[in-house]
Amino acid sequence: MALEWLKQRYSEVSASMKNEVAKIRNKGFLEAVVAGCVLVAHADGVVRPEEKQKMMGFLRNSEMLSVFSTEEVITIFDKYSRQFEFDYQIGQASALQAVVKVKNNEAEAKLMVRVCCAIGAADGNFDDQEKAIVRKICAELGLNPKDFDLV
């Protein structure tokens, strides 16, 4: 009886620790993805619900990022959005600073750009302003926009 309780308790603690380690390891990637999504959402001056929903759908389905709660994601999204509302250029600079955190991990950088492209197309119109900001993200990350059909 006591041994079974101990095994169960060990499993619970182990799962909890794995989640916390995953959060620590992937926090920079989460920040970059959300900041990139905010950049694209604000590119045309209107943040649409479809863009937010597409971002949340990706985050919920991402093996690396599904450990984060919706509240954590909204907090990060709001942090960057408020900066855009204060001043567009300051918001853009701040969000790009977060995006650059994945520059040294090519797989994460490419995935983040693909998510940004999906956010841009979420409302059915991946317009020139949105494409331009994704090209800017590519430049910051040292990626070729041609690889994402942005030229």
C-alpha atoms as a PDB file:
ATOM      1  CA  MET A   1       0.000   0.000   0.000  1.00  0.00           C
ATOM      2  CA  ALA A   2       2.695   2.494   1.007  1.00  0.00           C
ATOM      3  CA  LEU A   3       4.900   1.390  -1.868  1.00  0.00           C
ATOM      4  CA  GLU A   4       2.108   2.021  -4.387  1.00  0.00           C
ATOM      5  CA  TRP A   5       1.517   5.505  -2.924  1.00  0.00           C
ATOM      6  CA  LEU A   6       5.242   6.233  -3.155  1.00  0.00           C
ATOM      7  CA  LYS A   7       5.380   5.136  -6.820  1.00  0.00           C
ATOM      8  CA  GLN A   8       2.394   7.312  -7.670  1.00  0.00           C
ATOM      9  CA  ARG A   9       3.872  10.287  -5.848  1.00  0.00           C
ATOM     10  CA  TYR A  10       7.203   9.793  -7.638  1.00  0.00           C
ATOM     11  CA  SER A  11       5.425   9.732 -11.024  1.00  0.00           C
ATOM     12  CA  GLU A  12       3.536  12.948 -10.218  1.00  0.00           C
ATOM     13  CA  VAL A  13       6.669  14.770  -9.081  1.00  0.00           C
ATOM     14  CA  SER A  14       8.631  13.482 -12.076  1.00  0.00           C
ATOM     15  CA  ALA A  15       5.977  14.697 -14.551  1.00  0.00           C
ATOM     16  CA  SER A  16       5.830  18.070 -12.826  1.00  0.00           C
ATOM     17  CA  MET A  17       9.608  18.451 -12.990  1.00  0.00           C
ATOM     18  CA  LYS A  18       9.636  17.545 -16.699  1.00  0.00           C
ATOM     19  CA  ASN A  19       7.068  20.280 -17.367  1.00  0.00           C
ATOM     20  CA  GLU A  20       9.091  22.840 -15.426  1.00  0.00           C
ATOM     21  CA  VAL A  21      12.311  21.895 -17.232  1.00  0.00           C
ATOM     22  CA  ALA A  22      10.502  22.146 -20.580  1.00  0.00           C
ATOM     23  CA  LYS A  23       9.220  25.605 -19.626  1.00  0.00           C
ATOM     24  CA  ILE A  24      12.692  26.820 -18.697  1.00  0.00           C
ATOM     25  CA  ARG A  25      14.254  25.329 -21.817  1.00  0.00           C
ATOM     26  CA  ASN A  26      11.602  26.700 -24.193  1.00  0.00           C
ATOM     27  CA  LYS A  27      10.805  30.107 -22.651  1.00  0.00           C
ATOM     28  CA  GLY A  28      13.007  31.976 -25.158  1.00  0.00           C
ATOM     29  CA  PHE A  29      11.370  30.169 -28.071  1.00  0.00           C
ATOM     30  CA  LEU A  30       7.912  30.988 -26.719  1.00  0.00           C
ATOM     31  CA  GLU A  31       8.861  34.674 -26.380  1.00  0.00           C
ATOM     32  CA  ALA A  32      10.235  34.711 -29.934  1.00  0.00           C
ATOM     33  CA  VAL A  33       7.169  33.049 -31.453  1.00  0.00           C
ATOM     34  CA  VAL A  34       4.711  35.297 -29.641  1.00  0.00           C
ATOM     35  CA  ALA A  35       6.757  38.433 -30.390  1.00  0.00           C
ATOM     36  CA  GLY A  36       6.922  37.425 -34.063  1.00  0.00           C
ATOM     37  CA  CYS A  37       3.169  36.901 -34.105  1.00  0.00           C
ATOM     38  CA  VAL A  38       2.648  40.325 -32.525  1.00  0.00           C
ATOM     39  CA  LEU A  39       4.878  41.885 -35.194  1.00  0.00           C
ATOM     40  CA  VAL A  40       2.825  40.314 -37.977  1.00  0.00           C
ATOM     41  CA  ALA A  41      -0.496  41.057 -36.300  1.00  0.00           C
ATOM     42  CA  HIS A  42       0.384  44.741 -35.937  1.00  0.00           C
ATOM     43  CA  ALA A  43       1.917  45.049 -39.431  1.00  0.00           C
ATOM     44  CA  ASP A  44      -1.320  46.148 -41.066  1.00  0.00           C
ATOM     45  CA  GLY A  45      -2.475  48.155 -38.054  1.00  0.00           C
ATOM     46  CA  VAL A  46      -5.285  45.783 -37.053  1.00  0.00           C
ATOM     47  CA  VAL A  47      -4.870  42.793 -34.744  1.00  0.00           C
ATOM     48  CA  ARG A  48      -7.548  40.336 -35.817  1.00  0.00           C
ATOM     49  CA  PRO A  49      -9.046  37.543 -33.721  1.00  0.00           C
ATOM     50  CA  GLU A  50      -8.114  35.038 -36.439  1.00  0.00           C
ATOM     51  CA  GLU A  51      -4.447  35.910 -35.966  1.00  0.00           C
ATOM     52  CA  LYS A  52      -4.621  35.350 -32.210  1.00  0.00           C
ATOM     53  CA  GLN A  53      -6.546  32.098 -32.663  1.00  0.00           C
ATOM     54  CA  LYS A  54      -4.035  30.772 -35.196  1.00  0.00           C
ATOM     55  CA  MET A  55      -1.173  31.568 -32.799  1.00  0.00           C
ATOM     56  CA  MET A  56      -2.925  29.867 -29.870  1.00  0.00           C
ATOM     57  CA  GLY A  57      -3.690  26.828 -32.029  1.00  0.00           C
ATOM     58  CA  PHE A  58      -0.027  26.455 -32.919  1.00  0.00           C
ATOM     59  CA  LEU A  59       1.093  26.865 -29.310  1.00  0.00           C
ATOM     60  CA  ARG A  60      -1.432  24.303 -28.029  1.00  0.00           C
ATOM     61  CA  ASN A  61      -0.321  21.766 -30.641  1.00  0.00           C
ATOM     62  CA  SER A  62       3.401  22.390 -30.330  1.00  0.00           C
ATOM     63  CA  GLU A  63       5.167  19.678 -28.376  1.00  0.00           C
ATOM     64  CA  MET A  64       7.718  22.201 -27.111  1.00  0.00           C
ATOM     65  CA  LEU A  65       5.285  24.973 -26.213  1.00  0.00           C
ATOM     66  CA  SER A  66       2.113  23.221 -25.073  1.00  0.00           C
ATOM     67  CA  VAL A  67       3.493  23.183 -21.504  1.00  0.00           C
ATOM     68  CA  PHE A  68       2.728  26.913 -21.261  1.00  0.00           C
ATOM     69  CA  SER A  69      -0.692  28.019 -20.096  1.00  0.00           C
ATOM     70  CA  THR A  70      -2.982  30.228 -22.145  1.00  0.00           C
ATOM     71  CA  GLU A  71      -2.585  32.901 -19.461  1.00  0.00           C
ATOM     72  CA  GLU A  72       1.213  32.913 -19.882  1.00  0.00           C
ATOM     73  CA  VAL A  73       0.868  33.295 -23.644  1.00  0.00           C
ATOM     74  CA  ILE A  74      -1.690  36.100 -23.335  1.00  0.00           C
ATOM     75  CA  THR A  75       0.553  37.914 -20.866  1.00  0.00           C
ATOM     76  CA  ILE A  76       3.461  37.833 -23.324  1.00  0.00           C
ATOM     77  CA  PHE A  77       1.228  38.826 -26.259  1.00  0.00           C
ATOM     78  CA  ASP A  78      -0.190  41.750 -24.278  1.00  0.00           C
ATOM     79  CA  LYS A  79       3.285  42.864 -23.183  1.00  0.00           C
ATOM     80  CA  TYR A  80       4.434  43.298 -26.779  1.00  0.00           C
ATOM     81  CA  SER A  81       1.099  44.640 -28.039  1.00  0.00           C
ATOM     82  CA  ARG A  82       1.070  47.395 -25.403  1.00  0.00           C
ATOM     83  CA  GLN A  83       4.456  48.548 -26.646  1.00  0.00           C
ATOM     84  CA  PHE A  84       3.059  48.848 -30.185  1.00  0.00           C
ATOM     85  CA  GLU A  85       0.118  50.828 -28.865  1.00  0.00           C
ATOM     86  CA  PHE A  86       2.497  53.194 -27.089  1.00  0.00           C
ATOM     87  CA  ASP A  87       4.771  53.655 -30.093  1.00  0.00           C
ATOM     88  CA  TYR A  88       4.933  51.509 -33.234  1.00  0.00           C
ATOM     89  CA  GLN A  89       8.720  51.758 -33.658  1.00  0.00           C
ATOM     90  CA  ILE A  90       9.413  50.971 -29.995  1.00  0.00           C
ATOM     91  CA  GLY A  91       7.037  48.019 -30.180  1.00  0.00           C
ATOM     92  CA  GLN A  92       8.715  46.748 -33.313  1.00  0.00           C
ATOM     93  CA  ALA A  93      12.210  47.113 -31.847  1.00  0.00           C
ATOM     94  CA  SER A  94      11.215  45.332 -28.644  1.00  0.00           C
ATOM     95  CA  ALA A  95       9.530  42.463 -30.475  1.00  0.00           C
ATOM     96  CA  LEU A  96      12.483  42.060 -32.850  1.00  0.00           C
ATOM     97  CA  GLN A  97      14.791  41.891 -29.848  1.00  0.00           C
ATOM     98  CA  ALA A  98      12.797  38.893 -28.590  1.00  0.00           C
ATOM     99  CA  VAL A  99      12.748  37.299 -32.049  1.00  0.00           C
ATOM    100  CA  VAL A 100      16.551  37.406 -32.294  1.00  0.00           C
ATOM    101  CA  LYS A 101      16.785  35.090 -29.267  1.00  0.00           C
ATOM    102  CA  VAL A 102      16.294  32.113 -31.622  1.00  0.00           C
ATOM    103  CA  LYS A 103      18.895  33.238 -34.180  1.00  0.00           C
ATOM    104  CA  ASN A 104      21.424  30.609 -33.097  1.00  0.00           C
ATOM    105  CA  ASN A 105      18.935  27.758 -33.431  1.00  0.00           C
ATOM    106  CA  GLU A 106      18.141  27.455 -37.127  1.00  0.00           C
ATOM    107  CA  ALA A 107      15.320  24.931 -36.677  1.00  0.00           C
ATOM    108  CA  GLU A 108      13.531  27.137 -34.140  1.00  0.00           C
ATOM    109  CA  ALA A 109      14.146  30.257 -36.252  1.00  0.00           C
ATOM    110  CA  LYS A 110      12.672  28.631 -39.368  1.00  0.00           C
ATOM    111  CA  LEU A 111       9.692  27.286 -37.445  1.00  0.00           C
ATOM    112  CA  MET A 112       9.061  30.710 -35.936  1.00  0.00           C
ATOM    113  CA  VAL A 113       9.092  32.319 -39.407  1.00  0.00           C
ATOM    114  CA  ARG A 114       6.671  29.671 -40.705  1.00  0.00           C
ATOM    115  CA  VAL A 115       4.333  30.403 -37.803  1.00  0.00           C
ATOM    116  CA  CYS A 116       4.562  34.123 -38.604  1.00  0.00           C
ATOM    117  CA  CYS A 117       3.623  33.381 -42.223  1.00  0.00           C
ATOM    118  CA  ALA A 118       0.627  31.370 -41.019  1.00  0.00           C
ATOM    119  CA  ILE A 119      -0.427  34.242 -38.754  1.00  0.00           C
ATOM    120  CA  GLY A 120      -0.198  36.637 -41.691  1.00  0.00           C
ATOM    121  CA  ALA A 121      -2.457  34.389 -43.754  1.00  0.00           C
ATOM    122  CA  ALA A 122      -4.865  33.657 -40.889  1.00  0.00           C
ATOM    123  CA  ASP A 123      -7.400  36.250 -42.038  1.00  0.00           C
ATOM    124  CA  GLY A 124      -7.253  34.969 -45.626  1.00  0.00           C
ATOM    125  CA  ASN A 125      -4.991  37.779 -46.844  1.00  0.00           C
ATOM    126  CA  PHE A 126      -1.224  37.644 -46.311  1.00  0.00           C
ATOM    127  CA  ASP A 127      -0.771  41.250 -47.424  1.00  0.00           C
ATOM    128  CA  ASP A 128       2.360  43.149 -48.435  1.00  0.00           C
ATOM    129  CA  GLN A 129       2.772  44.835 -45.031  1.00  0.00           C
ATOM    130  CA  GLU A 130       2.696  41.470 -43.265  1.00  0.00           C
ATOM    131  CA  LYS A 131       5.100  39.941 -45.774  1.00  0.00           C
ATOM    132  CA  ALA A 132       7.441  42.915 -45.325  1.00  0.00           C
ATOM    133  CA  ILE A 133       7.600  42.417 -41.559  1.00  0.00           C
ATOM    134  CA  VAL A 134       8.282  38.687 -41.999  1.00  0.00           C
ATOM    135  CA  ARG A 135      11.089  39.591 -44.426  1.00  0.00           C
ATOM    136  CA  LYS A 136      12.452  41.899 -41.723  1.00  0.00           C
ATOM    137  CA  ILE A 137      12.283  39.018 -39.232  1.00  0.00           C
ATOM    138  CA  CYS A 138      14.177  36.839 -41.740  1.00  0.00           C
ATOM    139  CA  ALA A 139      16.860  39.530 -42.057  1.00  0.00           C
ATOM    140  CA  GLU A 140      17.244  39.705 -38.278  1.00  0.00           C
ATOM    141  CA  LEU A 141      17.604  35.926 -38.130  1.00  0.00           C
ATOM    142  CA  GLY A 142      19.923  35.623 -41.121  1.00  0.00           C
ATOM    143  CA  LEU A 143      17.364  33.568 -43.064  1.00  0.00           C
ATOM    144  CA  ASN A 144      16.590  33.833 -46.762  1.00  0.00           C
ATOM    145  CA  PRO A 145      13.033  35.134 -47.399  1.00  0.00           C
ATOM    146  CA  LYS A 146      12.951  33.088 -50.638  1.00  0.00           C
ATOM    147  CA  ASP A 147      12.847  29.941 -48.507  1.00  0.00           C
ATOM    148  CA  PHE A 148       9.437  31.102 -47.267  1.00  0.00           C
ATOM    149  CA  ASP A 149       8.034  32.411 -50.587  1.00  0.00           C
ATOM    150  CA  LEU A 150       8.322  36.016 -49.396  1.00  0.00           C
ATOM    151  CA  VAL A 151      10.048  37.515 -52.436  1.00  0.00           C
END
